[in-house]
C-alpha atoms as a PDB file:
ATOM      1  CA  MET A   1     226.838 -78.245 174.510  1.00  0.00           C
ATOM      2  CA  SER A   2     225.806 -80.080 177.660  1.00  0.00           C
ATOM      3  CA  GLU A   3     225.021 -78.206 180.842  1.00  0.00           C
ATOM      4  CA  ALA A   4     227.823 -80.002 182.686  1.00  0.00           C
ATOM      5  CA  SER A   5     230.426 -78.472 180.393  1.00  0.00           C
ATOM      6  CA  VAL A   6     229.326 -74.868 180.944  1.00  0.00           C
ATOM      7  CA  PRO A   7     230.762 -74.446 184.486  1.00  0.00           C
ATOM      8  CA  ALA A   8     234.075 -75.926 183.374  1.00  0.00           C
ATOM      9  CA  VAL A   9     234.331 -73.426 180.529  1.00  0.00           C
ATOM     10  CA  GLY A  10     233.384 -70.592 182.862  1.00  0.00           C
ATOM     11  CA  ALA A  11     235.967 -71.690 185.424  1.00  0.00           C
ATOM     12  CA  ALA A  12     238.674 -71.915 182.768  1.00  0.00           C
ATOM     13  CA  GLY A  13     237.770 -68.450 181.518  1.00  0.00           C
ATOM     14  CA  SER A  14     237.884 -67.100 185.049  1.00  0.00           C
ATOM     15  CA  TRP A  15     241.361 -68.529 185.618  1.00  0.00           C
ATOM     16  CA  ARG A  16     242.593 -67.128 182.299  1.00  0.00           C
ATOM     17  CA  HIS A  17     241.205 -63.715 183.225  1.00  0.00           C
ATOM     18  CA  ALA A  18     242.869 -63.868 186.646  1.00  0.00           C
ATOM     19  CA  TRP A  19     246.262 -64.779 185.194  1.00  0.00           C
ATOM     20  CA  SER A  20     245.934 -62.119 182.475  1.00  0.00           C
ATOM     21  CA  TYR A  21     245.164 -59.496 185.111  1.00  0.00           C
ATOM     22  CA  PHE A  22     248.088 -60.688 187.252  1.00  0.00           C
ATOM     23  CA  PHE A  23     250.601 -60.392 184.405  1.00  0.00           C
ATOM     24  CA  TYR A  24     249.110 -57.036 183.404  1.00  0.00           C
ATOM     25  CA  GLN A  25     249.758 -55.761 186.934  1.00  0.00           C
ATOM     26  CA  ILE A  26     253.269 -57.230 186.883  1.00  0.00           C
ATOM     27  CA  ARG A  27     254.076 -55.356 183.671  1.00  0.00           C
ATOM     28  CA  GLN A  28     253.081 -52.062 185.293  1.00  0.00           C
ATOM     29  CA  SER A  29     255.780 -52.382 187.972  1.00  0.00           C
ATOM     30  CA  PRO A  30     259.470 -52.247 187.022  1.00  0.00           C
ATOM     31  CA  LEU A  31     260.425 -53.792 190.368  1.00  0.00           C
ATOM     32  CA  ALA A  32     258.025 -56.672 189.835  1.00  0.00           C
ATOM     33  CA  MET A  33     259.405 -57.251 186.341  1.00  0.00           C
ATOM     34  CA  ALA A  34     262.961 -57.227 187.678  1.00  0.00           C
ATOM     35  CA  GLY A  35     262.088 -59.653 190.471  1.00  0.00           C
ATOM     36  CA  LEU A  36     260.181 -61.961 188.129  1.00  0.00           C
ATOM     37  CA  ALA A  37     263.046 -61.930 185.615  1.00  0.00           C
ATOM     38  CA  ILE A  38     265.551 -62.843 188.339  1.00  0.00           C
ATOM     39  CA  ILE A  39     263.340 -65.649 189.664  1.00  0.00           C
ATOM     40  CA  VAL A  40     262.710 -67.101 186.201  1.00  0.00           C
ATOM     41  CA  PHE A  41     266.427 -66.978 185.411  1.00  0.00           C
ATOM     42  CA  VAL A  42     267.487 -68.573 188.693  1.00  0.00           C
ATOM     43  CA  CYS A  43     264.830 -71.293 188.560  1.00  0.00           C
ATOM     44  CA  THR A  44     265.663 -72.100 184.925  1.00  0.00           C
ATOM     45  CA  VAL A  45     269.371 -72.386 185.693  1.00  0.00           C
ATOM     46  CA  VAL A  46     268.713 -74.495 188.785  1.00  0.00           C
ATOM     47  CA  VAL A  47     266.343 -76.881 187.015  1.00  0.00           C
ATOM     48  CA  CYS A  48     268.733 -77.269 184.065  1.00  0.00           C
ATOM     49  CA  ALA A  49     271.848 -77.593 186.262  1.00  0.00           C
ATOM     50  CA  GLY A  50     272.449 -81.145 185.092  1.00  0.00           C
ATOM     51  CA  TRP A  51     272.750 -79.969 181.489  1.00  0.00           C
ATOM     52  CA  ILE A  52     274.520 -76.653 182.143  1.00  0.00           C
ATOM     53  CA  ALA A  53     277.168 -77.735 184.673  1.00  0.00           C
ATOM     54  CA  PRO A  54     280.435 -78.578 182.889  1.00  0.00           C
ATOM     55  CA  TYR A  55     281.668 -80.898 185.677  1.00  0.00           C
ATOM     56  CA  ASP A  56     280.414 -83.252 188.321  1.00  0.00           C
ATOM     57  CA  PRO A  57     279.932 -81.006 191.404  1.00  0.00           C
ATOM     58  CA  ASP A  58     281.470 -83.662 193.673  1.00  0.00           C
ATOM     59  CA  ALA A  59     284.387 -84.626 191.412  1.00  0.00           C
ATOM     60  CA  ILE A  60     287.709 -84.117 193.248  1.00  0.00           C
ATOM     61  CA  SER A  61     290.876 -83.105 191.418  1.00  0.00           C
ATOM     62  CA  LEU A  62     293.659 -82.134 193.836  1.00  0.00           C
ATOM     63  CA  ILE A  63     295.983 -80.996 191.055  1.00  0.00           C
ATOM     64  CA  HIS A  64     293.449 -78.270 190.208  1.00  0.00           C
ATOM     65  CA  ARG A  65     292.740 -77.095 193.761  1.00  0.00           C
ATOM     66  CA  LEU A  66     292.089 -73.393 194.446  1.00  0.00           C
ATOM     67  CA  GLN A  67     292.503 -72.277 190.852  1.00  0.00           C
ATOM     68  CA  PRO A  68     291.222 -68.764 189.991  1.00  0.00           C
ATOM     69  CA  PRO A  69     288.375 -68.203 187.503  1.00  0.00           C
ATOM     70  CA  SER A  70     289.405 -69.182 183.993  1.00  0.00           C
ATOM     71  CA  ALA A  71     288.005 -70.526 180.734  1.00  0.00           C
ATOM     72  CA  ALA A  72     288.202 -74.053 182.135  1.00  0.00           C
ATOM     73  CA  HIS A  73     286.614 -73.161 185.483  1.00  0.00           C
ATOM     74  CA  TRP A  74     284.442 -70.059 185.230  1.00  0.00           C
ATOM     75  CA  PHE A  75     284.112 -69.584 189.003  1.00  0.00           C
ATOM     76  CA  GLY A  76     287.430 -71.209 189.934  1.00  0.00           C
ATOM     77  CA  THR A  77     287.874 -74.329 192.059  1.00  0.00           C
ATOM     78  CA  ASP A  78     287.701 -75.114 195.766  1.00  0.00           C
ATOM     79  CA  GLU A  79     290.193 -76.638 198.212  1.00  0.00           C
ATOM     80  CA  VAL A  80     289.876 -80.130 196.722  1.00  0.00           C
ATOM     81  CA  GLY A  81     289.661 -79.093 193.068  1.00  0.00           C
ATOM     82  CA  ARG A  82     285.892 -79.203 192.627  1.00  0.00           C
ATOM     83  CA  ASP A  83     284.435 -76.803 190.055  1.00  0.00           C
ATOM     84  CA  ILE A  84     282.704 -73.974 191.926  1.00  0.00           C
ATOM     85  CA  PHE A  85     280.480 -73.035 188.977  1.00  0.00           C
ATOM     86  CA  SER A  86     279.024 -76.549 188.907  1.00  0.00           C
ATOM     87  CA  ARG A  87     278.590 -76.559 192.685  1.00  0.00           C
ATOM     88  CA  VAL A  88     276.819 -73.186 192.621  1.00  0.00           C
ATOM     89  CA  LEU A  89     274.373 -74.521 190.036  1.00  0.00           C
ATOM     90  CA  PHE A  90     273.616 -77.691 191.982  1.00  0.00           C
ATOM     91  CA  GLY A  91     273.684 -75.803 195.276  1.00  0.00           C
ATOM     92  CA  GLY A  92     270.812 -73.712 193.955  1.00  0.00           C
ATOM     93  CA  GLN A  93     268.654 -76.829 193.889  1.00  0.00           C
ATOM     94  CA  GLN A  94     269.185 -77.192 197.623  1.00  0.00           C
ATOM     95  CA  SER A  95     268.814 -73.520 198.564  1.00  0.00           C
ATOM     96  CA  VAL A  96     265.857 -72.649 196.323  1.00  0.00           C
ATOM     97  CA  GLY A  97     264.207 -75.952 197.224  1.00  0.00           C
ATOM     98  CA  VAL A  98     264.465 -75.075 200.907  1.00  0.00           C
ATOM     99  CA  GLY A  99     262.885 -71.665 200.294  1.00  0.00           C
ATOM    100  CA  LEU A 100     259.960 -73.080 198.327  1.00  0.00           C
ATOM    101  CA  PHE A 101     259.379 -75.922 200.794  1.00  0.00           C
ATOM    102  CA  VAL A 102     259.450 -73.655 203.842  1.00  0.00           C
ATOM    103  CA  ALA A 103     257.135 -71.059 202.297  1.00  0.00           C
ATOM    104  CA  PHE A 104     254.629 -73.660 201.077  1.00  0.00           C
ATOM    105  CA  VAL A 105     254.433 -75.865 204.174  1.00  0.00           C
ATOM    106  CA  SER A 106     254.525 -73.074 206.750  1.00  0.00           C
ATOM    107  CA  SER A 107     251.919 -71.002 204.873  1.00  0.00           C
ATOM    108  CA  VAL A 108     249.512 -73.932 204.444  1.00  0.00           C
ATOM    109  CA  VAL A 109     249.830 -75.235 208.005  1.00  0.00           C
ATOM    110  CA  GLY A 110     249.856 -71.791 209.603  1.00  0.00           C
ATOM    111  CA  SER A 111     246.907 -70.542 207.523  1.00  0.00           C
ATOM    112  CA  VAL A 112     244.752 -73.558 208.398  1.00  0.00           C
ATOM    113  CA  ILE A 113     245.503 -73.236 212.117  1.00  0.00           C
ATOM    114  CA  GLY A 114     244.994 -69.468 212.096  1.00  0.00           C
ATOM    115  CA  CYS A 115     241.712 -69.570 210.176  1.00  0.00           C
ATOM    116  CA  PHE A 116     240.215 -72.242 212.423  1.00  0.00           C
ATOM    117  CA  SER A 117     241.475 -70.433 215.525  1.00  0.00           C
ATOM    118  CA  GLY A 118     239.812 -67.201 214.435  1.00  0.00           C
ATOM    119  CA  VAL A 119     236.528 -68.898 213.535  1.00  0.00           C
ATOM    120  CA  ILE A 120     236.316 -71.126 216.640  1.00  0.00           C
ATOM    121  CA  GLY A 121     237.319 -68.441 219.147  1.00  0.00           C
ATOM    122  CA  GLY A 122     236.971 -68.921 222.867  1.00  0.00           C
ATOM    123  CA  ARG A 123     239.374 -70.978 224.959  1.00  0.00           C
ATOM    124  CA  THR A 124     240.785 -72.870 221.979  1.00  0.00           C
ATOM    125  CA  ASP A 125     241.725 -69.627 220.279  1.00  0.00           C
ATOM    126  CA  ASN A 126     243.361 -68.318 223.464  1.00  0.00           C
ATOM    127  CA  VAL A 127     245.454 -71.474 223.927  1.00  0.00           C
ATOM    128  CA  ILE A 128     246.625 -71.487 220.297  1.00  0.00           C
ATOM    129  CA  MET A 129     247.567 -67.820 220.335  1.00  0.00           C
ATOM    130  CA  ARG A 130     249.397 -68.046 223.666  1.00  0.00           C
ATOM    131  CA  VAL A 131     251.515 -70.864 222.245  1.00  0.00           C
ATOM    132  CA  MET A 132     252.218 -68.752 219.151  1.00  0.00           C
ATOM    133  CA  ASP A 133     253.136 -65.774 221.348  1.00  0.00           C
ATOM    134  CA  ILE A 134     255.656 -67.903 223.239  1.00  0.00           C
ATOM    135  CA  VAL A 135     257.291 -68.978 219.997  1.00  0.00           C
ATOM    136  CA  LEU A 136     257.312 -65.441 218.618  1.00  0.00           C
ATOM    137  CA  SER A 137     258.855 -64.064 221.805  1.00  0.00           C
ATOM    138  CA  VAL A 138     262.143 -65.791 220.925  1.00  0.00           C
ATOM    139  CA  PRO A 139     264.206 -64.278 218.073  1.00  0.00           C
ATOM    140  CA  SER A 140     263.588 -66.326 214.928  1.00  0.00           C
ATOM    141  CA  LEU A 141     267.231 -67.005 214.094  1.00  0.00           C
ATOM    142  CA  VAL A 142     268.087 -68.023 217.660  1.00  0.00           C
ATOM    143  CA  LEU A 143     265.123 -70.413 217.847  1.00  0.00           C
ATOM    144  CA  THR A 144     265.920 -71.841 214.426  1.00  0.00           C
ATOM    145  CA  MET A 145     269.527 -72.513 215.413  1.00  0.00           C
ATOM    146  CA  ALA A 146     268.391 -74.164 218.655  1.00  0.00           C
ATOM    147  CA  LEU A 147     265.917 -76.423 216.848  1.00  0.00           C
ATOM    148  CA  ALA A 148     268.422 -77.297 214.113  1.00  0.00           C
ATOM    149  CA  ALA A 149     271.057 -78.152 216.710  1.00  0.00           C
ATOM    150  CA  ALA A 150     268.570 -80.285 218.678  1.00  0.00           C
ATOM    151  CA  LEU A 151     267.411 -82.143 215.568  1.00  0.00           C
ATOM    152  CA  GLY A 152     270.944 -82.677 214.252  1.00  0.00           C
ATOM    153  CA  ALA A 153     273.056 -81.010 211.598  1.00  0.00           C
ATOM    154  CA  SER A 154     271.562 -81.796 208.177  1.00  0.00           C
ATOM    155  CA  LEU A 155     269.821 -79.925 205.388  1.00  0.00           C
ATOM    156  CA  PHE A 156     266.463 -81.612 206.043  1.00  0.00           C
ATOM    157  CA  ASN A 157     266.565 -80.822 209.767  1.00  0.00           C
ATOM    158  CA  ALA A 158     267.494 -77.210 209.003  1.00  0.00           C
ATOM    159  CA  MET A 159     264.565 -77.002 206.593  1.00  0.00           C
ATOM    160  CA  LEU A 160     262.239 -78.472 209.222  1.00  0.00           C
ATOM    161  CA  ALA A 161     263.483 -76.054 211.895  1.00  0.00           C
ATOM    162  CA  ILE A 162     262.912 -73.026 209.646  1.00  0.00           C
ATOM    163  CA  THR A 163     259.415 -74.263 208.781  1.00  0.00           C
ATOM    164  CA  LEU A 164     258.433 -74.695 212.437  1.00  0.00           C
ATOM    165  CA  VAL A 165     259.654 -71.201 213.283  1.00  0.00           C
ATOM    166  CA  ARG A 166     257.782 -69.562 210.383  1.00  0.00           C
ATOM    167  CA  ILE A 167     254.388 -71.182 211.094  1.00  0.00           C
ATOM    168  CA  PRO A 168     253.387 -68.764 213.917  1.00  0.00           C
ATOM    169  CA  PHE A 169     253.697 -65.768 211.578  1.00  0.00           C
ATOM    170  CA  TYR A 170     251.062 -67.258 209.279  1.00  0.00           C
ATOM    171  CA  VAL A 171     248.874 -68.273 212.218  1.00  0.00           C
ATOM    172  CA  ARG A 172     248.683 -64.678 213.451  1.00  0.00           C
ATOM    173  CA  LEU A 173     248.131 -63.290 209.957  1.00  0.00           C
ATOM    174  CA  ALA A 174     245.417 -65.817 209.058  1.00  0.00           C
ATOM    175  CA  ARG A 175     243.709 -65.400 212.430  1.00  0.00           C
ATOM    176  CA  GLY A 176     243.546 -61.631 211.975  1.00  0.00           C
ATOM    177  CA  GLN A 177     241.962 -62.114 208.553  1.00  0.00           C
ATOM    178  CA  ALA A 178     239.517 -64.672 209.952  1.00  0.00           C
ATOM    179  CA  LEU A 179     238.432 -62.364 212.799  1.00  0.00           C
ATOM    180  CA  SER A 180     237.659 -59.645 210.263  1.00  0.00           C
ATOM    181  CA  LEU A 181     235.974 -61.862 207.671  1.00  0.00           C
ATOM    182  CA  ARG A 182     233.769 -63.769 210.083  1.00  0.00           C
ATOM    183  CA  GLU A 183     231.843 -60.549 210.732  1.00  0.00           C
ATOM    184  CA  MET A 184     230.961 -60.182 207.048  1.00  0.00           C
ATOM    185  CA  VAL A 185     227.323 -60.543 206.026  1.00  0.00           C
ATOM    186  CA  TYR A 186     227.913 -63.509 203.709  1.00  0.00           C
ATOM    187  CA  VAL A 187     229.653 -65.450 206.508  1.00  0.00           C
ATOM    188  CA  LYS A 188     226.815 -64.784 208.941  1.00  0.00           C
ATOM    189  CA  ALA A 189     224.350 -65.825 206.247  1.00  0.00           C
ATOM    190  CA  ALA A 190     226.242 -69.084 205.729  1.00  0.00           C
ATOM    191  CA  ILE A 191     226.116 -69.765 209.473  1.00  0.00           C
ATOM    192  CA  THR A 192     222.377 -69.029 209.489  1.00  0.00           C
ATOM    193  CA  PHE A 193     221.818 -71.574 206.722  1.00  0.00           C
ATOM    194  CA  GLY A 194     223.652 -74.244 208.703  1.00  0.00           C
ATOM    195  CA  ALA A 195     227.153 -74.220 207.179  1.00  0.00           C
ATOM    196  CA  GLY A 196     229.717 -76.032 209.310  1.00  0.00           C
ATOM    197  CA  ARG A 197     233.006 -74.574 210.491  1.00  0.00           C
ATOM    198  CA  ARG A 198     235.028 -76.512 207.935  1.00  0.00           C
ATOM    199  CA  GLN A 199     232.891 -75.214 205.089  1.00  0.00           C
ATOM    200  CA  ILE A 200     233.009 -71.663 206.400  1.00  0.00           C
ATOM    201  CA  VAL A 201     236.798 -71.753 206.674  1.00  0.00           C
ATOM    202  CA  SER A 202     237.401 -73.372 203.270  1.00  0.00           C
ATOM    203  CA  TRP A 203     234.780 -71.508 201.240  1.00  0.00           C
ATOM    204  CA  HIS A 204     234.423 -68.112 202.901  1.00  0.00           C
ATOM    205  CA  ILE A 205     237.440 -67.379 205.107  1.00  0.00           C
ATOM    206  CA  ALA A 206     240.505 -68.971 203.501  1.00  0.00           C
ATOM    207  CA  ARG A 207     239.721 -67.911 199.943  1.00  0.00           C
ATOM    208  CA  ASN A 208     239.175 -64.281 200.900  1.00  0.00           C
ATOM    209  CA  ALA A 209     242.311 -64.214 203.064  1.00  0.00           C
ATOM    210  CA  LEU A 210     244.621 -65.470 200.311  1.00  0.00           C
ATOM    211  CA  ALA A 211     246.038 -62.116 199.183  1.00  0.00           C
ATOM    212  CA  PRO A 212     248.071 -61.217 202.315  1.00  0.00           C
ATOM    213  CA  LEU A 213     249.057 -64.862 202.812  1.00  0.00           C
ATOM    214  CA  ILE A 214     250.423 -65.107 199.266  1.00  0.00           C
ATOM    215  CA  VAL A 215     252.402 -61.900 199.750  1.00  0.00           C
ATOM    216  CA  GLN A 216     253.863 -63.190 203.019  1.00  0.00           C
ATOM    217  CA  ALA A 217     254.765 -66.529 201.426  1.00  0.00           C
ATOM    218  CA  THR A 218     256.517 -64.807 198.516  1.00  0.00           C
ATOM    219  CA  LEU A 219     258.585 -62.709 200.896  1.00  0.00           C
ATOM    220  CA  ASP A 220     259.319 -65.740 203.062  1.00  0.00           C
ATOM    221  CA  ILE A 221     260.975 -67.637 200.210  1.00  0.00           C
ATOM    222  CA  GLY A 222     263.850 -65.167 200.177  1.00  0.00           C
ATOM    223  CA  ALA A 223     263.969 -65.099 203.976  1.00  0.00           C
ATOM    224  CA  ALA A 224     264.065 -68.903 204.137  1.00  0.00           C
ATOM    225  CA  ILE A 225     266.932 -69.027 201.630  1.00  0.00           C
ATOM    226  CA  LEU A 226     268.906 -66.566 203.756  1.00  0.00           C
ATOM    227  CA  MET A 227     268.139 -68.477 206.953  1.00  0.00           C
ATOM    228  CA  ALA A 228     269.136 -71.814 205.395  1.00  0.00           C
ATOM    229  CA  ALA A 229     272.365 -70.194 204.223  1.00  0.00           C
ATOM    230  CA  ALA A 230     272.977 -68.899 207.765  1.00  0.00           C
ATOM    231  CA  LEU A 231     272.486 -72.387 209.205  1.00  0.00           C
ATOM    232  CA  GLY A 232     274.805 -73.829 206.566  1.00  0.00           C
ATOM    233  CA  PHE A 233     277.346 -71.130 207.385  1.00  0.00           C
ATOM    234  CA  ILE A 234     277.536 -72.183 211.040  1.00  0.00           C
ATOM    235  CA  GLY A 235     277.550 -75.901 210.221  1.00  0.00           C
ATOM    236  CA  LEU A 236     273.929 -76.730 211.108  1.00  0.00           C
ATOM    237  CA  GLY A 237     272.705 -77.027 207.524  1.00  0.00           C
ATOM    238  CA  ALA A 238     273.929 -79.071 204.575  1.00  0.00           C
ATOM    239  CA  GLN A 239     276.973 -81.223 205.240  1.00  0.00           C
ATOM    240  CA  GLN A 240     279.840 -82.169 202.952  1.00  0.00           C
ATOM    241  CA  PRO A 241     279.938 -83.128 200.144  1.00  0.00           C
ATOM    242  CA  THR A 242     276.465 -81.655 199.496  1.00  0.00           C
ATOM    243  CA  ALA A 243     276.659 -78.439 197.479  1.00  0.00           C
ATOM    244  CA  GLU A 244     274.740 -75.670 199.281  1.00  0.00           C
ATOM    245  CA  TRP A 245     275.362 -71.947 199.029  1.00  0.00           C
ATOM    246  CA  GLY A 246     275.616 -71.190 202.745  1.00  0.00           C
ATOM    247  CA  ALA A 247     277.975 -74.076 203.412  1.00  0.00           C
ATOM    248  CA  MET A 248     280.138 -73.006 200.459  1.00  0.00           C
ATOM    249  CA  VAL A 249     280.405 -69.467 201.824  1.00  0.00           C
ATOM    250  CA  ALA A 250     281.291 -70.859 205.258  1.00  0.00           C
ATOM    251  CA  THR A 251     284.183 -72.881 203.851  1.00  0.00           C
ATOM    252  CA  GLY A 252     285.221 -70.161 201.430  1.00  0.00           C
ATOM    253  CA  ARG A 253     285.680 -67.588 204.175  1.00  0.00           C
ATOM    254  CA  ASN A 254     288.789 -69.475 205.298  1.00  0.00           C
ATOM    255  CA  TYR A 255     290.392 -68.726 201.932  1.00  0.00           C
ATOM    256  CA  PHE A 256     288.883 -65.299 201.301  1.00  0.00           C
ATOM    257  CA  LEU A 257     292.085 -63.216 201.453  1.00  0.00           C
ATOM    258  CA  ASP A 258     293.868 -65.184 198.714  1.00  0.00           C
ATOM    259  CA  GLN A 259     291.064 -67.096 196.945  1.00  0.00           C
ATOM    260  CA  TRP A 260     288.229 -64.559 196.975  1.00  0.00           C
ATOM    261  CA  TRP A 261     286.184 -66.379 194.332  1.00  0.00           C
ATOM    262  CA  TYR A 262     285.409 -69.284 196.654  1.00  0.00           C
ATOM    263  CA  ALA A 263     283.035 -67.274 198.872  1.00  0.00           C
ATOM    264  CA  VAL A 264     282.038 -64.472 196.485  1.00  0.00           C
ATOM    265  CA  PHE A 265     280.200 -66.476 193.815  1.00  0.00           C
ATOM    266  CA  PRO A 266     277.911 -68.532 196.098  1.00  0.00           C
ATOM    267  CA  GLY A 267     277.394 -65.422 198.222  1.00  0.00           C
ATOM    268  CA  PHE A 268     276.318 -63.472 195.160  1.00  0.00           C
ATOM    269  CA  ALA A 269     273.934 -66.301 194.229  1.00  0.00           C
ATOM    270  CA  ILE A 270     272.301 -65.993 197.659  1.00  0.00           C
ATOM    271  CA  LEU A 271     272.061 -62.206 197.300  1.00  0.00           C
ATOM    272  CA  ILE A 272     270.524 -62.144 193.823  1.00  0.00           C
ATOM    273  CA  THR A 273     268.018 -64.936 194.531  1.00  0.00           C
ATOM    274  CA  ALA A 274     266.791 -63.452 197.809  1.00  0.00           C
ATOM    275  CA  ALA A 275     266.560 -60.019 196.173  1.00  0.00           C
ATOM    276  CA  GLY A 276     264.464 -61.425 193.319  1.00  0.00           C
ATOM    277  CA  PHE A 277     261.892 -62.988 195.627  1.00  0.00           C
ATOM    278  CA  ASN A 278     261.801 -59.897 197.846  1.00  0.00           C
ATOM    279  CA  LEU A 279     261.236 -57.595 194.860  1.00  0.00           C
ATOM    280  CA  LEU A 280     258.381 -59.768 193.607  1.00  0.00           C
ATOM    281  CA  GLY A 281     256.900 -59.998 197.106  1.00  0.00           C
ATOM    282  CA  ASP A 282     256.995 -56.236 197.580  1.00  0.00           C
ATOM    283  CA  ALA A 283     255.347 -55.729 194.193  1.00  0.00           C
ATOM    284  CA  ALA A 284     252.673 -58.329 194.995  1.00  0.00           C
ATOM    285  CA  ARG A 285     251.946 -56.544 198.275  1.00  0.00           C
ATOM    286  CA  ASP A 286     251.541 -53.247 196.449  1.00  0.00           C
ATOM    287  CA  MET A 287     249.202 -54.828 193.897  1.00  0.00           C
ATOM    288  CA  LEU A 288     247.049 -56.829 196.313  1.00  0.00           C
ATOM    289  CA  ASP A 289     246.743 -54.293 199.144  1.00  0.00           C
ATOM    290  CA  PRO A 290     243.946 -51.811 198.293  1.00  0.00           C
ATOM    291  CA  LYS A 291     245.163 -49.380 200.972  1.00  0.00           C
ATOM    292  CA  LEU A 292     248.499 -49.026 199.201  1.00  0.00           C
ATOM    293  CA  LYS A 293     246.757 -48.637 195.854  1.00  0.00           C
ATOM    294  CA  ALA A 294     244.687 -45.773 197.173  1.00  0.00           C
ATOM    295  CA  ARG A 295     247.738 -43.720 198.122  1.00  0.00           C
END
């Protein structure tokens, strides 16, 4: 065996050990198992929507409008005869996609800014944090609605508005981790040996600050789904004929007294998906936070 292959094998073994430990911890928590089961189920259904959906989600059939749940239409039909079950499945692609996009982009951008801000310090750090404080001083939902309205009513603009509003939370969290970690002996040793700021952030700060950032990102997926649904509910999110859970609930509320199924099924999809990500996020926080473990 060549020497070059030894690190690769060691790295692969390290990753396998990490994943084995992660799933071992998951199995010890009933809440984590429940959240993971919900997420796997929802993601599987959403990915396979094209094969599971019995109808085209945009197919109009006025003679079948507002029909109750039946063998032909499991979740009933909407005001123009579209199959609600099919639209819920395809709407999950929009809603879950928004949650994953927001959590990934906001966590990456916010973590990079926060880590560099904490390491650089001085005037630059003060300017960055004052800007973040200004953003955080405005209620998140209000600011998101204002940005979405300014950008224009569409699913992409809603997703962008939510991402911009969530970035400051990661900046503050990553900066706090960076301020603590930069005082560690190994970081000071790296500075003594001439390591640059980029290397310190990427090799010593960011990697050791991952645990709380991952927990926050997991929790933010559910929050982003709820916020996207809220924007869709008030008409600032996905527009017709795009299937999106919040927009479906918004339209369905007009028929709720007589056609309850229209709003209930997409609303339940929002509830169960957000609950799944929140359960997994809470369990991840309990597993990764040593202070909680010690209690």
